[in-house]
């Protein structure tokens, strides 16, 4: 599904997506792609608004896009990392991880 959505994006957005990944060797999760698209949309919208407010000048204005804060980990409760980077979660046996994910209904952004 991620692959299909990536093909629907314009070429410049596709080109920006790959370098935004933390680890290019892992499979991309749908929630990561959606988060990137949201940030890209916000940056483009900000750029358009600054262009309109500047009277349509050709001079480009700097754009600052802030990433939304990472929510607390569902396993250890600490902020700053998703579940798939949680040391406590990674130390669990696979069967226990699956059971926990199903229990907490974390299937979409696991």
PDB file of N, CA and C in Angstrom:
ATOM      1  N   UNK A   1       0.822  -1.185   0.000  1.00  0.00           N
ATOM      2  CA  UNK A   1       0.000   0.000   0.000  1.00  0.00           C
ATOM      3  C   UNK A   1       0.875   1.262   0.000  1.00  0.00           C
ATOM      4  N   UNK A   2       1.935   1.235   0.783  1.00  0.00           N
ATOM      5  CA  UNK A   2       2.850   2.378   0.843  1.00  0.00           C
ATOM      6  C   UNK A   2       3.445   2.637  -0.535  1.00  0.00           C
ATOM      7  N   UNK A   3       3.830   1.568  -1.219  1.00  0.00           N
ATOM      8  CA  UNK A   3       4.418   1.695  -2.549  1.00  0.00           C
ATOM      9  C   UNK A   3       3.437   2.357  -3.517  1.00  0.00           C
ATOM     10  N   UNK A   4       2.187   1.982  -3.476  1.00  0.00           N
ATOM     11  CA  UNK A   4       1.161   2.564  -4.350  1.00  0.00           C
ATOM     12  C   UNK A   4       0.996   4.045  -4.062  1.00  0.00           C
ATOM     13  N   UNK A   5       0.937   4.407  -2.783  1.00  0.00           N
ATOM     14  CA  UNK A   5       0.781   5.814  -2.409  1.00  0.00           C
ATOM     15  C   UNK A   5       1.997   6.643  -2.831  1.00  0.00           C
ATOM     16  N   UNK A   6       3.192   6.081  -2.690  1.00  0.00           N
ATOM     17  CA  UNK A   6       4.399   6.804  -3.101  1.00  0.00           C
ATOM     18  C   UNK A   6       4.371   7.118  -4.592  1.00  0.00           C
ATOM     19  N   UNK A   7       3.873   6.213  -5.393  1.00  0.00           N
ATOM     20  CA  UNK A   7       3.797   6.419  -6.846  1.00  0.00           C
ATOM     21  C   UNK A   7       2.811   7.525  -7.212  1.00  0.00           C
ATOM     22  N   UNK A   8       1.862   7.813  -6.338  1.00  0.00           N
ATOM     23  CA  UNK A   8       0.865   8.854  -6.589  1.00  0.00           C
ATOM     24  C   UNK A   8       1.389  10.257  -6.268  1.00  0.00           C
ATOM     25  N   UNK A   9       2.501  10.337  -5.528  1.00  0.00           N
ATOM     26  CA  UNK A   9       3.063  11.635  -5.149  1.00  0.00           C
ATOM     27  C   UNK A   9       3.825  12.248  -6.312  1.00  0.00           C
ATOM     28  N   UNK A  10       3.946  13.575  -6.325  1.00  0.00           N
ATOM     29  CA  UNK A  10       4.748  14.242  -7.346  1.00  0.00           C
ATOM     30  C   UNK A  10       6.222  13.879  -7.147  1.00  0.00           C
ATOM     31  N   UNK A  11       7.016  14.080  -8.201  1.00  0.00           N
ATOM     32  CA  UNK A  11       8.415  13.644  -8.178  1.00  0.00           C
ATOM     33  C   UNK A  11       9.247  14.336  -7.101  1.00  0.00           C
ATOM     34  N   UNK A  12       9.021  15.619  -6.877  1.00  0.00           N
ATOM     35  CA  UNK A  12       9.824  16.314  -5.867  1.00  0.00           C
ATOM     36  C   UNK A  12       9.510  15.805  -4.459  1.00  0.00           C
ATOM     37  N   UNK A  13       8.257  15.482  -4.181  1.00  0.00           N
ATOM     38  CA  UNK A  13       7.889  14.939  -2.872  1.00  0.00           C
ATOM     39  C   UNK A  13       8.456  13.529  -2.704  1.00  0.00           C
ATOM     40  N   UNK A  14       8.411  12.739  -3.766  1.00  0.00           N
ATOM     41  CA  UNK A  14       9.012  11.396  -3.714  1.00  0.00           C
ATOM     42  C   UNK A  14      10.504  11.492  -3.409  1.00  0.00           C
ATOM     43  N   UNK A  15      11.169  12.445  -4.064  1.00  0.00           N
ATOM     44  CA  UNK A  15      12.607  12.610  -3.872  1.00  0.00           C
ATOM     45  C   UNK A  15      12.947  13.039  -2.444  1.00  0.00           C
ATOM     46  N   UNK A  16      12.075  13.799  -1.808  1.00  0.00           N
ATOM     47  CA  UNK A  16      12.314  14.248  -0.436  1.00  0.00           C
ATOM     48  C   UNK A  16      11.996  13.174   0.595  1.00  0.00           C
ATOM     49  N   UNK A  17      11.150  12.218   0.245  1.00  0.00           N
ATOM     50  CA  UNK A  17      10.709  11.216   1.217  1.00  0.00           C
ATOM     51  C   UNK A  17      11.843  10.279   1.631  1.00  0.00           C
ATOM     52  N   UNK A  18      12.572   9.743   0.700  1.00  0.00           N
ATOM     53  CA  UNK A  18      13.604   8.761   1.036  1.00  0.00           C
ATOM     54  C   UNK A  18      14.652   9.288   2.011  1.00  0.00           C
ATOM     55  N   UNK A  19      15.209  10.496   1.790  1.00  0.00           N
ATOM     56  CA  UNK A  19      16.191  10.996   2.771  1.00  0.00           C
ATOM     57  C   UNK A  19      15.587  11.280   4.146  1.00  0.00           C
ATOM     58  N   UNK A  20      14.260  11.417   4.226  1.00  0.00           N
ATOM     59  CA  UNK A  20      13.625  11.707   5.518  1.00  0.00           C
ATOM     60  C   UNK A  20      13.535  10.475   6.412  1.00  0.00           C
ATOM     61  N   UNK A  21      13.755   9.301   5.852  1.00  0.00           N
ATOM     62  CA  UNK A  21      13.664   8.069   6.636  1.00  0.00           C
ATOM     63  C   UNK A  21      14.855   7.931   7.557  1.00  0.00           C
ATOM     64  N   UNK A  22      14.610   7.434   8.755  1.00  0.00           N
ATOM     65  CA  UNK A  22      15.691   7.242   9.720  1.00  0.00           C
ATOM     66  C   UNK A  22      16.560   6.042   9.341  1.00  0.00           C
ATOM     67  N   UNK A  23      15.920   4.995   8.827  1.00  0.00           N
ATOM     68  CA  UNK A  23      16.644   3.791   8.446  1.00  0.00           C
ATOM     69  C   UNK A  23      16.080   3.299   7.120  1.00  0.00           C
ATOM     70  N   UNK A  24      16.848   3.482   6.051  1.00  0.00           N
ATOM     71  CA  UNK A  24      16.372   3.128   4.714  1.00  0.00           C
ATOM     72  C   UNK A  24      16.267   1.620   4.495  1.00  0.00           C
ATOM     73  N   UNK A  25      16.813   0.820   5.394  1.00  0.00           N
ATOM     74  CA  UNK A  25      16.802  -0.629   5.201  1.00  0.00           C
ATOM     75  C   UNK A  25      15.529  -1.278   5.734  1.00  0.00           C
ATOM     76  N   UNK A  26      14.784  -0.582   6.562  1.00  0.00           N
ATOM     77  CA  UNK A  26      13.548  -1.134   7.122  1.00  0.00           C
ATOM     78  C   UNK A  26      12.379  -0.827   6.197  1.00  0.00           C
ATOM     79  N   UNK A  27      11.365  -1.650   6.279  1.00  0.00           N
ATOM     80  CA  UNK A  27      10.147  -1.396   5.516  1.00  0.00           C
ATOM     81  C   UNK A  27       9.473  -0.136   6.050  1.00  0.00           C
ATOM     82  N   UNK A  28       8.930   0.638   5.151  1.00  0.00           N
ATOM     83  CA  UNK A  28       8.276   1.880   5.529  1.00  0.00           C
ATOM     84  C   UNK A  28       6.858   1.574   6.001  1.00  0.00           C
ATOM     85  N   UNK A  29       6.503   2.107   7.127  1.00  0.00           N
ATOM     86  CA  UNK A  29       5.151   1.932   7.669  1.00  0.00           C
ATOM     87  C   UNK A  29       4.236   3.020   7.116  1.00  0.00           C
ATOM     88  N   UNK A  30       2.986   2.697   7.007  1.00  0.00           N
ATOM     89  CA  UNK A  30       2.013   3.643   6.483  1.00  0.00           C
ATOM     90  C   UNK A  30       1.965   4.907   7.324  1.00  0.00           C
ATOM     91  N   UNK A  31       2.059   4.780   8.633  1.00  0.00           N
ATOM     92  CA  UNK A  31       1.988   5.959   9.504  1.00  0.00           C
ATOM     93  C   UNK A  31       3.189   6.881   9.273  1.00  0.00           C
ATOM     94  N   UNK A  32       4.360   6.322   8.926  1.00  0.00           N
ATOM     95  CA  UNK A  32       5.531   7.159   8.629  1.00  0.00           C
ATOM     96  C   UNK A  32       5.298   7.965   7.360  1.00  0.00           C
ATOM     97  N   UNK A  33       4.741   7.317   6.335  1.00  0.00           N
ATOM     98  CA  UNK A  33       4.461   8.012   5.078  1.00  0.00           C
ATOM     99  C   UNK A  33       3.421   9.106   5.291  1.00  0.00           C
ATOM    100  N   UNK A  34       2.368   8.797   6.029  1.00  0.00           N
ATOM    101  CA  UNK A  34       1.318   9.791   6.276  1.00  0.00           C
ATOM    102  C   UNK A  34       1.845  10.975   7.076  1.00  0.00           C
ATOM    103  N   UNK A  35       2.719  10.720   8.042  1.00  0.00           N
ATOM    104  CA  UNK A  35       3.321  11.800   8.826  1.00  0.00           C
ATOM    105  C   UNK A  35       4.176  12.692   7.920  1.00  0.00           C
ATOM    106  N   UNK A  36       4.958  12.086   7.030  1.00  0.00           N
ATOM    107  CA  UNK A  36       5.773  12.855   6.084  1.00  0.00           C
ATOM    108  C   UNK A  36       4.891  13.702   5.178  1.00  0.00           C
ATOM    109  N   UNK A  37       3.821  13.111   4.638  1.00  0.00           N
ATOM    110  CA  UNK A  37       2.931  13.847   3.735  1.00  0.00           C
ATOM    111  C   UNK A  37       2.302  15.030   4.453  1.00  0.00           C
ATOM    112  N   UNK A  38       1.914  14.836   5.705  1.00  0.00           N
ATOM    113  CA  UNK A  38       1.327  15.939   6.473  1.00  0.00           C
ATOM    114  C   UNK A  38       2.333  17.081   6.650  1.00  0.00           C
ATOM    115  N   UNK A  39       3.573  16.755   6.990  1.00  0.00           N
ATOM    116  CA  UNK A  39       4.595  17.793   7.165  1.00  0.00           C
ATOM    117  C   UNK A  39       4.898  18.486   5.840  1.00  0.00           C
ATOM    118  N   UNK A  40       4.932  17.721   4.763  1.00  0.00           N
ATOM    119  CA  UNK A  40       5.181  18.291   3.432  1.00  0.00           C
ATOM    120  C   UNK A  40       4.051  19.246   3.056  1.00  0.00           C
ATOM    121  N   UNK A  41       2.823  18.840   3.316  1.00  0.00           N
ATOM    122  CA  UNK A  41       1.662  19.685   3.033  1.00  0.00           C
ATOM    123  C   UNK A  41       1.738  20.993   3.818  1.00  0.00           C
ATOM    124  N   UNK A  42       2.089  20.904   5.094  1.00  0.00           N
ATOM    125  CA  UNK A  42       2.196  22.104   5.917  1.00  0.00           C
ATOM    126  C   UNK A  42       3.281  23.033   5.389  1.00  0.00           C
ATOM    127  N   UNK A  43       4.406  22.468   4.973  1.00  0.00           N
ATOM    128  CA  UNK A  43       5.496  23.291   4.444  1.00  0.00           C
ATOM    129  C   UNK A  43       5.079  23.976   3.149  1.00  0.00           C
ATOM    130  N   UNK A  44       4.416  23.235   2.267  1.00  0.00           N
ATOM    131  CA  UNK A  44       3.970  23.833   1.001  1.00  0.00           C
ATOM    132  C   UNK A  44       2.896  24.888   1.222  1.00  0.00           C
ATOM    133  N   UNK A  45       2.015  24.635   2.168  1.00  0.00           N
ATOM    134  CA  UNK A  45       0.960  25.606   2.477  1.00  0.00           C
ATOM    135  C   UNK A  45       1.568  26.886   3.048  1.00  0.00           C
ATOM    136  N   UNK A  46       2.552  26.754   3.926  1.00  0.00           N
ATOM    137  CA  UNK A  46       3.231  27.917   4.493  1.00  0.00           C
ATOM    138  C   UNK A  46       3.927  28.714   3.390  1.00  0.00           C
ATOM    139  N   UNK A  47       4.557  27.994   2.486  1.00  0.00           N
ATOM    140  CA  UNK A  47       5.249  28.642   1.370  1.00  0.00           C
ATOM    141  C   UNK A  47       4.269  29.426   0.503  1.00  0.00           C
ATOM    142  N   UNK A  48       3.125  28.841   0.220  1.00  0.00           N
ATOM    143  CA  UNK A  48       2.121  29.510  -0.608  1.00  0.00           C
ATOM    144  C   UNK A  48       1.586  30.757   0.088  1.00  0.00           C
ATOM    145  N   UNK A  49       1.322  30.667   1.384  1.00  0.00           N
ATOM    146  CA  UNK A  49       0.817  31.824   2.128  1.00  0.00           C
ATOM    147  C   UNK A  49       1.840  32.948   2.167  1.00  0.00           C
ATOM    148  N   UNK A  50       3.119  32.598   2.364  1.00  0.00           N
ATOM    149  CA  UNK A  50       4.141  33.642   2.416  1.00  0.00           C
ATOM    150  C   UNK A  50       4.327  34.264   1.039  1.00  0.00           C
ATOM    151  N   UNK A  51       4.140  33.506  -0.010  1.00  0.00           N
ATOM    152  CA  UNK A  51       4.243  34.024  -1.375  1.00  0.00           C
ATOM    153  C   UNK A  51       3.100  34.999  -1.636  1.00  0.00           C
ATOM    154  N   UNK A  52       1.890  34.628  -1.229  1.00  0.00           N
ATOM    155  CA  UNK A  52       0.721  35.495  -1.438  1.00  0.00           C
ATOM    156  C   UNK A  52       0.825  36.781  -0.623  1.00  0.00           C
ATOM    157  N   UNK A  53       1.304  36.695   0.602  1.00  0.00           N
ATOM    158  CA  UNK A  53       1.394  37.881   1.451  1.00  0.00           C
ATOM    159  C   UNK A  53       2.519  38.815   1.006  1.00  0.00           C
ATOM    160  N   UNK A  54       3.475  38.292   0.255  1.00  0.00           N
ATOM    161  CA  UNK A  54       4.588  39.099  -0.232  1.00  0.00           C
ATOM    162  C   UNK A  54       4.282  39.797  -1.540  1.00  0.00           C
ATOM    163  N   UNK A  55       3.041  39.761  -1.981  1.00  0.00           N
ATOM    164  CA  UNK A  55       2.664  40.433  -3.207  1.00  0.00           C
ATOM    165  C   UNK A  55       3.080  39.683  -4.462  1.00  0.00           C
ATOM    166  N   UNK A  56       3.359  38.399  -4.333  1.00  0.00           N
ATOM    167  CA  UNK A  56       3.704  37.602  -5.490  1.00  0.00           C
ATOM    168  C   UNK A  56       5.113  37.826  -5.999  1.00  0.00           C
ATOM    169  N   UNK A  57       5.993  38.273  -5.152  1.00  0.00           N
ATOM    170  CA  UNK A  57       7.386  38.481  -5.555  1.00  0.00           C
ATOM    171  C   UNK A  57       8.019  37.147  -5.926  1.00  0.00           C
ATOM    172  N   UNK A  58       8.955  37.181  -6.840  1.00  0.00           N
ATOM    173  CA  UNK A  58       9.638  35.970  -7.277  1.00  0.00           C
ATOM    174  C   UNK A  58      10.667  35.486  -6.270  1.00  0.00           C
ATOM    175  N   UNK A  59      11.042  36.341  -5.359  1.00  0.00           N
ATOM    176  CA  UNK A  59      12.063  35.984  -4.381  1.00  0.00           C
ATOM    177  C   UNK A  59      11.510  34.951  -3.404  1.00  0.00           C
ATOM    178  N   UNK A  60      12.226  33.863  -3.234  1.00  0.00           N
ATOM    179  CA  UNK A  60      11.791  32.805  -2.328  1.00  0.00           C
ATOM    180  C   UNK A  60      12.020  33.221  -0.878  1.00  0.00           C
ATOM    181  N   UNK A  61      11.087  32.871  -0.043  1.00  0.00           N
ATOM    182  CA  UNK A  61      11.217  33.148   1.384  1.00  0.00           C
ATOM    183  C   UNK A  61      11.565  31.855   2.098  1.00  0.00           C
ATOM    184  N   UNK A  62      12.338  31.938   3.167  1.00  0.00           N
ATOM    185  CA  UNK A  62      12.693  30.719   3.889  1.00  0.00           C
ATOM    186  C   UNK A  62      11.464  30.071   4.518  1.00  0.00           C
ATOM    187  N   UNK A  63      11.464  28.752   4.531  1.00  0.00           N
ATOM    188  CA  UNK A  63      10.344  27.993   5.094  1.00  0.00           C
ATOM    189  C   UNK A  63      10.866  27.177   6.266  1.00  0.00           C
ATOM    190  N   UNK A  64      10.149  27.235   7.348  1.00  0.00           N
ATOM    191  CA  UNK A  64      10.497  26.433   8.505  1.00  0.00           C
ATOM    192  C   UNK A  64       9.334  25.506   8.796  1.00  0.00           C
ATOM    193  N   UNK A  65       9.598  24.222   8.798  1.00  0.00           N
ATOM    194  CA  UNK A  65       8.568  23.237   9.109  1.00  0.00           C
ATOM    195  C   UNK A  65       8.955  22.544  10.405  1.00  0.00           C
ATOM    196  N   UNK A  66       8.086  22.605  11.369  1.00  0.00           N
ATOM    197  CA  UNK A  66       8.362  21.964  12.654  1.00  0.00           C
ATOM    198  C   UNK A  66       7.703  20.597  12.676  1.00  0.00           C
ATOM    199  N   UNK A  67       8.443  19.613  13.120  1.00  0.00           N
ATOM    200  CA  UNK A  67       7.889  18.273  13.251  1.00  0.00           C
ATOM    201  C   UNK A  67       7.009  18.221  14.489  1.00  0.00           C
ATOM    202  N   UNK A  68       5.917  17.512  14.367  1.00  0.00           N
ATOM    203  CA  UNK A  68       5.060  17.371  15.533  1.00  0.00           C
ATOM    204  C   UNK A  68       5.766  16.477  16.548  1.00  0.00           C
ATOM    205  N   UNK A  69       5.579  16.762  17.831  1.00  0.00           N
ATOM    206  CA  UNK A  69       6.277  15.982  18.849  1.00  0.00           C
ATOM    207  C   UNK A  69       5.842  14.520  18.820  1.00  0.00           C
ATOM    208  N   UNK A  70       6.798  13.644  19.068  1.00  0.00           N
ATOM    209  CA  UNK A  70       6.521  12.215  19.082  1.00  0.00           C
ATOM    210  C   UNK A  70       5.733  11.899  20.349  1.00  0.00           C
ATOM    211  N   UNK A  71       4.622  11.164  20.215  1.00  0.00           N
ATOM    212  CA  UNK A  71       3.854  10.810  21.414  1.00  0.00           C
ATOM    213  C   UNK A  71       4.642   9.835  22.284  1.00  0.00           C
ATOM    214  N   UNK A  72       4.219   9.702  23.521  1.00  0.00           N
ATOM    215  CA  UNK A  72       4.886   8.773  24.427  1.00  0.00           C
ATOM    216  C   UNK A  72       4.779   7.348  23.910  1.00  0.00           C
ATOM    217  N   UNK A  73       5.821   6.571  24.142  1.00  0.00           N
ATOM    218  CA  UNK A  73       5.853   5.165  23.748  1.00  0.00           C
ATOM    219  C   UNK A  73       4.751   4.421  24.508  1.00  0.00           C
ATOM    220  N   UNK A  74       4.051   3.542  23.824  1.00  0.00           N
ATOM    221  CA  UNK A  74       2.959   2.783  24.445  1.00  0.00           C
ATOM    222  C   UNK A  74       3.471   1.666  25.354  1.00  0.00           C
ATOM    223  N   UNK A  75       4.760   1.401  25.294  1.00  0.00           N
ATOM    224  CA  UNK A  75       5.323   0.315  26.101  1.00  0.00           C
ATOM    225  C   UNK A  75       5.990   0.843  27.364  1.00  0.00           C
ATOM    226  N   UNK A  76       6.961   1.748  27.197  1.00  0.00           N
ATOM    227  CA  UNK A  76       7.713   2.223  28.363  1.00  0.00           C
ATOM    228  C   UNK A  76       7.230   3.591  28.864  1.00  0.00           C
ATOM    229  N   UNK A  77       6.421   4.292  28.068  1.00  0.00           N
ATOM    230  CA  UNK A  77       5.884   5.582  28.496  1.00  0.00           C
ATOM    231  C   UNK A  77       6.795   6.766  28.254  1.00  0.00           C
ATOM    232  N   UNK A  78       8.002   6.527  27.738  1.00  0.00           N
ATOM    233  CA  UNK A  78       8.929   7.632  27.484  1.00  0.00           C
ATOM    234  C   UNK A  78       8.637   8.260  26.125  1.00  0.00           C
ATOM    235  N   UNK A  79       8.878   9.555  26.019  1.00  0.00           N
ATOM    236  CA  UNK A  79       8.668  10.258  24.754  1.00  0.00           C
ATOM    237  C   UNK A  79       9.917  10.142  23.884  1.00  0.00           C
ATOM    238  N   UNK A  80       9.747  10.388  22.611  1.00  0.00           N
ATOM    239  CA  UNK A  80      10.885  10.499  21.726  1.00  0.00           C
ATOM    240  C   UNK A  80      11.185   9.289  20.866  1.00  0.00           C
ATOM    241  N   UNK A  81      10.410   8.206  21.001  1.00  0.00           N
ATOM    242  CA  UNK A  81      10.633   7.078  20.105  1.00  0.00           C
ATOM    243  C   UNK A  81       9.341   6.310  19.886  1.00  0.00           C
ATOM    244  N   UNK A  82       9.183   5.773  18.678  1.00  0.00           N
ATOM    245  CA  UNK A  82       8.023   4.921  18.425  1.00  0.00           C
ATOM    246  C   UNK A  82       8.251   3.541  19.023  1.00  0.00           C
ATOM    247  N   UNK A  83       7.227   2.757  19.049  1.00  0.00           N
ATOM    248  CA  UNK A  83       7.278   1.442  19.680  1.00  0.00           C
ATOM    249  C   UNK A  83       8.360   0.546  19.074  1.00  0.00           C
ATOM    250  N   UNK A  84       8.580   0.648  17.757  1.00  0.00           N
ATOM    251  CA  UNK A  84       9.542  -0.250  17.123  1.00  0.00           C
ATOM    252  C   UNK A  84      10.992   0.124  17.416  1.00  0.00           C
ATOM    253  N   UNK A  85      11.242   1.210  18.163  1.00  0.00           N
ATOM    254  CA  UNK A  85      12.585   1.540  18.637  1.00  0.00           C
ATOM    255  C   UNK A  85      12.721   1.361  20.150  1.00  0.00           C
ATOM    256  N   UNK A  86      11.666   0.972  20.795  1.00  0.00           N
ATOM    257  CA  UNK A  86      11.662   0.818  22.252  1.00  0.00           C
ATOM    258  C   UNK A  86      12.513  -0.395  22.650  1.00  0.00           C
ATOM    259  N   UNK A  87      13.520  -0.146  23.489  1.00  0.00           N
ATOM    260  CA  UNK A  87      14.409  -1.232  23.920  1.00  0.00           C
ATOM    261  C   UNK A  87      13.645  -2.307  24.687  1.00  0.00           C
ATOM    262  N   UNK A  88      12.738  -1.884  25.527  1.00  0.00           N
ATOM    263  CA  UNK A  88      11.956  -2.835  26.317  1.00  0.00           C
ATOM    264  C   UNK A  88      11.116  -3.734  25.403  1.00  0.00           C
ATOM    265  N   UNK A  89      10.506  -3.129  24.381  1.00  0.00           N
ATOM    266  CA  UNK A  89       9.691  -3.879  23.437  1.00  0.00           C
ATOM    267  C   UNK A  89      10.550  -4.845  22.617  1.00  0.00           C
ATOM    268  N   UNK A  90      11.709  -4.381  22.170  1.00  0.00           N
ATOM    269  CA  UNK A  90      12.579  -5.206  21.338  1.00  0.00           C
ATOM    270  C   UNK A  90      13.154  -6.403  22.095  1.00  0.00           C
ATOM    271  N   UNK A  91      13.240  -6.308  23.424  1.00  0.00           N
ATOM    272  CA  UNK A  91      13.765  -7.420  24.225  1.00  0.00           C
ATOM    273  C   UNK A  91      12.712  -8.510  24.465  1.00  0.00           C
ATOM    274  N   UNK A  92      11.440  -8.205  24.187  1.00  0.00           N
ATOM    275  CA  UNK A  92      10.373  -9.185  24.387  1.00  0.00           C
ATOM    276  C   UNK A  92      10.432 -10.261  23.303  1.00  0.00           C
ATOM    277  N   UNK A  93       9.997 -11.479  23.639  1.00  0.00           N
ATOM    278  CA  UNK A  93       9.900 -12.511  22.610  1.00  0.00           C
ATOM    279  C   UNK A  93       8.810 -12.126  21.591  1.00  0.00           C
ATOM    280  N   UNK A  94       8.934 -12.569  20.344  1.00  0.00           N
ATOM    281  CA  UNK A  94       7.978 -12.188  19.304  1.00  0.00           C
ATOM    282  C   UNK A  94       6.512 -12.473  19.658  1.00  0.00           C
ATOM    283  N   UNK A  95       6.248 -13.608  20.289  1.00  0.00           N
ATOM    284  CA  UNK A  95       4.864 -13.945  20.643  1.00  0.00           C
ATOM    285  C   UNK A  95       4.295 -12.937  21.638  1.00  0.00           C
ATOM    286  N   UNK A  96       5.122 -12.530  22.581  1.00  0.00           N
ATOM    287  CA  UNK A  96       4.686 -11.549  23.582  1.00  0.00           C
ATOM    288  C   UNK A  96       4.463 -10.182  22.933  1.00  0.00           C
ATOM    289  N   UNK A  97       5.331  -9.812  21.971  1.00  0.00           N
ATOM    290  CA  UNK A  97       5.155  -8.546  21.244  1.00  0.00           C
ATOM    291  C   UNK A  97       3.819  -8.535  20.498  1.00  0.00           C
ATOM    292  N   UNK A  98       3.550  -9.620  19.796  1.00  0.00           N
ATOM    293  CA  UNK A  98       2.305  -9.706  19.036  1.00  0.00           C
ATOM    294  C   UNK A  98       1.096  -9.587  19.956  1.00  0.00           C
ATOM    295  N   UNK A  99       1.141 -10.283  21.054  1.00  0.00           N
ATOM    296  CA  UNK A  99       0.048 -10.242  22.021  1.00  0.00           C
ATOM    297  C   UNK A  99      -0.159  -8.825  22.561  1.00  0.00           C
ATOM    298  N   UNK A 100       0.918  -8.139  22.859  1.00  0.00           N
ATOM    299  CA  UNK A 100       0.856  -6.773  23.378  1.00  0.00           C
ATOM    300  C   UNK A 100       0.279  -5.811  22.335  1.00  0.00           C
ATOM    301  N   UNK A 101       0.722  -5.948  21.099  1.00  0.00           N
ATOM    302  CA  UNK A 101       0.234  -5.083  20.025  1.00  0.00           C
ATOM    303  C   UNK A 101      -1.260  -5.293  19.822  1.00  0.00           C
ATOM    304  N   UNK A 102      -1.694  -6.545  19.833  1.00  0.00           N
ATOM    305  CA  UNK A 102      -3.112  -6.829  19.672  1.00  0.00           C
ATOM    306  C   UNK A 102      -3.924  -6.316  20.859  1.00  0.00           C
ATOM    307  N   UNK A 103      -3.370  -6.443  22.045  1.00  0.00           N
ATOM    308  CA  UNK A 103      -4.056  -5.986  23.256  1.00  0.00           C
ATOM    309  C   UNK A 103      -4.227  -4.469  23.252  1.00  0.00           C
ATOM    310  N   UNK A 104      -3.197  -3.761  22.846  1.00  0.00           N
ATOM    311  CA  UNK A 104      -3.225  -2.296  22.860  1.00  0.00           C
ATOM    312  C   UNK A 104      -3.725  -1.704  21.544  1.00  0.00           C
ATOM    313  N   UNK A 105      -4.141  -2.558  20.611  1.00  0.00           N
ATOM    314  CA  UNK A 105      -4.602  -2.137  19.284  1.00  0.00           C
ATOM    315  C   UNK A 105      -3.666  -1.131  18.633  1.00  0.00           C
ATOM    316  N   UNK A 106      -2.406  -1.535  18.502  1.00  0.00           N
ATOM    317  CA  UNK A 106      -1.377  -0.690  17.902  1.00  0.00           C
ATOM    318  C   UNK A 106      -1.047  -1.158  16.486  1.00  0.00           C
ATOM    319  N   UNK A 107      -1.940  -1.816  15.836  1.00  0.00           N
ATOM    320  CA  UNK A 107      -1.639  -2.444  14.545  1.00  0.00           C
ATOM    321  C   UNK A 107      -1.289  -1.452  13.455  1.00  0.00           C
ATOM    322  N   UNK A 108      -1.879  -0.273  13.423  1.00  0.00           N
ATOM    323  CA  UNK A 108      -1.655   0.661  12.316  1.00  0.00           C
ATOM    324  C   UNK A 108      -0.274   1.260  12.310  1.00  0.00           C
ATOM    325  N   UNK A 109       0.262   1.608  13.454  1.00  0.00           N
ATOM    326  CA  UNK A 109       1.552   2.298  13.495  1.00  0.00           C
ATOM    327  C   UNK A 109       2.630   1.458  14.147  1.00  0.00           C
ATOM    328  N   UNK A 110       2.478   0.184  14.137  1.00  0.00           N
ATOM    329  CA  UNK A 110       3.492  -0.686  14.703  1.00  0.00           C
ATOM    330  C   UNK A 110       4.644  -0.682  13.775  1.00  0.00           C
TER     331      UNK A 110
END
